[in-house]
Amino acid sequence: MHDLSQEDLAQIIGVSRQTIHFIERNKYVPSTVLALKLARYFKVKVEELFELEDTD
């Protein structure tokens, strides 16, 4: 969508590339601050990026 690599996004947001990788694979739940940074960068609501599962 924004033609970014994981490394590019990680540098913009201030995390490691591995963090972005794990978020994409649903193996890491980001902090509220990180979720808000991602939403701000992509100009969307947090709920458009993340959702609660019934088991959460």
Protein backbone atom coordinates (compact mmCIF):
# COMPACT_ATOMS: atom_id res chain seq x y z
CA MET A 1 0.00 0.00 0.00
CA HIS A 2 2.76 2.44 0.93
CA ASP A 3 5.53 0.49 -0.80
CA LEU A 4 7.55 0.18 2.41
CA SER A 5 9.82 -2.61 3.52
CA GLN A 6 9.57 -3.90 7.07
CA GLU A 7 12.90 -2.20 7.74
CA ASP A 8 11.64 1.15 6.40
CA LEU A 9 8.50 1.03 8.54
CA ALA A 10 10.48 -0.08 11.58
CA GLN A 11 12.82 2.90 11.27
CA ILE A 12 9.92 5.33 10.81
CA ILE A 13 8.05 3.97 13.84
CA GLY A 14 11.16 3.42 15.98
CA VAL A 15 11.12 -0.35 16.45
CA SER A 16 13.08 -3.30 15.08
CA ARG A 17 12.28 -4.98 11.78
CA GLN A 18 11.56 -8.16 13.75
CA THR A 19 8.83 -6.34 15.69
CA ILE A 20 7.07 -5.42 12.44
CA HIS A 21 7.50 -8.99 11.20
CA PHE A 22 5.95 -10.46 14.34
CA ILE A 23 3.05 -7.98 14.31
CA GLU A 24 2.30 -8.92 10.68
CA ARG A 25 2.32 -12.62 11.63
CA ASN A 26 0.04 -12.07 14.68
CA LYS A 27 2.81 -13.30 16.98
CA TYR A 28 3.24 -10.02 18.84
CA VAL A 29 0.64 -7.73 20.37
CA PRO A 30 1.92 -4.16 20.15
CA SER A 31 1.71 -1.73 23.02
CA THR A 32 -0.97 0.94 22.89
CA VAL A 33 1.65 3.54 22.00
CA LEU A 34 3.02 1.44 19.15
CA ALA A 35 -0.49 0.72 17.84
CA LEU A 36 -1.26 4.44 17.89
CA LYS A 37 1.99 5.27 16.08
CA LEU A 38 1.17 2.77 13.34
CA ALA A 39 -2.37 4.10 13.00
CA ARG A 40 -1.10 7.67 12.82
CA TYR A 41 1.46 6.79 10.17
CA PHE A 42 -1.10 5.00 8.00
CA LYS A 43 -3.77 7.65 8.75
CA VAL A 44 -6.33 5.10 9.91
CA LYS A 45 -8.06 4.25 13.18
CA VAL A 46 -6.36 1.68 15.40
CA GLU A 47 -9.40 -0.57 14.93
CA GLU A 48 -8.63 -0.71 11.21
CA LEU A 49 -5.24 -2.25 11.96
CA PHE A 50 -6.02 -4.37 15.02
CA GLU A 51 -9.06 -6.15 16.40
CA LEU A 52 -9.87 -8.17 19.47
CA GLU A 53 -10.45 -11.87 18.99
CA ASP A 54 -13.25 -13.60 20.88
CA THR A 55 -10.56 -15.34 22.96
CA ASP A 56 -8.93 -12.04 24.04
